[in-house]
Amino acid sequence: MYHEHSRKAFVLAAAALTLLLLVNACGAAEAPTPTKAPAVAASPTPAATPTPVLPKKGGTLRYIHQSNPLAMDVLQTISSADTTYMAPIYDGFIMVEPDRSFSPAQARSWDVLDGGKTIVLHIAPGIKFHDGTPFNAAAVKSDFDYKLNPDNQFEQRPQMTVISSVEAIGEYDLKLNLKQTDALVMPNMGARAGWVFSPTARDAVAKADRKMKPVGAGSFKFVDILIDSHLTMERWPNGFGGGKYPYVDTLKYLFIADPAVQLATYRAGEVDAYQAYNDQLPTLRADKTTVLVPRWRTEWGFLMVNPRFKPLDDVRVRKAMSLAIDREAIVKAFLAGEGTALYGVIGAAWSWCYDPTYKKYGFNPEEAKKLLTEAGYSQGFKVSPTTWFGKESRLPLLNLLADQMKQVGITLDLVMMESIQASRQFSFDKTLAAYSSEWGTGAPDLHTHMGDLFDSTNPRYMFGQGYLDAAVVKQLDEALAKGRGTLEPKDRCGYYRQAQEIINDYMLGISLFTGRVSMAHRDYVKNYQEFPSGGGSQWFKVWLDK
């Protein structure tokens, strides 16, 4: 039996203070002949030990996000971008740390049994959903059973189908019986697939009515949302923090799409934190009241095309588009050097599998023109419409791509849309010709990062309906499945690199870059931490020293 507990305890709230007292006592002995005592130099008084600054409760933490959420009901959301908003509302059974280890959250511990085919979650007692109902094994079983039912169309269901059954074996003990060993189950307990919506609220409210009214059991409770303005959450004392966490009373997200307006809003003191753009870093570094927290992003920057639009069904055309792109120039211009060019889907955040020497189908305009001629498009063609996630913030990248494509005769017809609508229309409706974004926000595992887009059972999969040879589809699915069904990192990496090769050889997605990102926050924002799960930022231990 393998018993796994967290190797990280919660941070202690205070340290003991020791006061050093100096006693100067001088006594002169009696002498037959009185003499003047020599002067004695005073001993220096030791510096006082500084009083440790203890976390303070209270206050409002104000944060910027570039777009409105599409949904905050985890049972309905289809966008990884929504995880930023949902993470504080749901929390998760575990936290996936930056080093990819697991820390306890709603699960105080867990057992991995039978070679990974059985997992028992031991739920922390005392947690309540935001509607006041208990967060226990029975509630979680109801939630998981709902997600596993294909009739409910849970978008993350492919991440959970390895679960054959769920049992409540005690009030706070939940048993997951798996069809096979699956390396993704535990990371998913800290991500969207494992986030739990109150079954009572789920069954009491119509699906359409609860889309923007989430009821989780996380550290913060939803209060209100005003589209294009703000989202407000308040401290929930009955989360896994046992009343100790969170520290701040209120979280307030401001929706601001324009990067320049974001920076101006931050500098004006109207928000406390935001995810800075790379060209803003020199300005922020010069501000002595700003703290920057950098990390490699899990996101894969890409341009993806829809084979339903000719000539994008021709692999030679897709390869020509990849060969037309100067990724190094994009990293320098769009990321201000804060990142690295990517020629495959495995980025630097996945250090256990990332290969920085992999540069297949890199910049080669002459080879691109040759392939276009072979495909019968020596005079070029138009890709229309081409859209993206991020509106104004990503427009400079799309202009760069358009300029580079133009050099080989390809015209990108750029059409700016609302980000969420662009994502839906390309990924699910499949009614757009091309789409650029960064996929993998908060991905807890490399398989999530790859499987969401390239596993043929996922609704985002772009090359169904005969657009790719069935044997190739099977080969790719098998490589991904083997990576998921193996616990040894070295073996898993081998399978994912095999999948990366297939994705590149058929150019199912055009890799662009992976970036470093920096959270900018005021120096009075204390104990900010980055977690890969849930979208990067967890706020339950943050406090305000003001």
Foldseek 3Di string as FASTA:
>chain_A
DAWDADPDDDDDQADDADFDDDDDDDDDDDDPDDDDDDDDDDDDDDDGDDGDDGFAFEDEAEEEDAFDAPFQALQDGDDLSCLVVNCQQFVFQWFQALVRDTHGWQFRTKDQDDQQQKIKTQGDPQFAKPVGHGDWLVQQQVQLVLLCPVVSVRQCNVLPVQFPHWDRPDRHMIMTGGVAHFQRPVLCRRASSNGGFGPVVVVVDDPVVCRHQTIHRGQWHWDDDDGQAKTKTAGDCRTRVNNPWDRYGMYMYGHHQDLVVVVVCVVVVVHFWYWHAQVCVVVQVVDPQKDKDKDWFLWFWFKFFFVVDPPVLDLLLLLLLLQLDALVVCCCPLRVVFWFWDAWLGGVSPVLQDDNVDHPSHHDNVSSLVSCVVVVNNQEDEFPAEEEARFPSCVVVVVNSQVSCVVSNYHHNYDYDHRVVLCCCCQAVVPGGMYIYIADQLPSDVLVRPVCALQPVRNRDRCPPPSDDPVLNVLLNVLSVVLRNDNDSVRSSVSVVVNRVSCNVSVNIRTRIIGMIIMMGGNQWPDWRFTSHSGTGDRTHIHGND
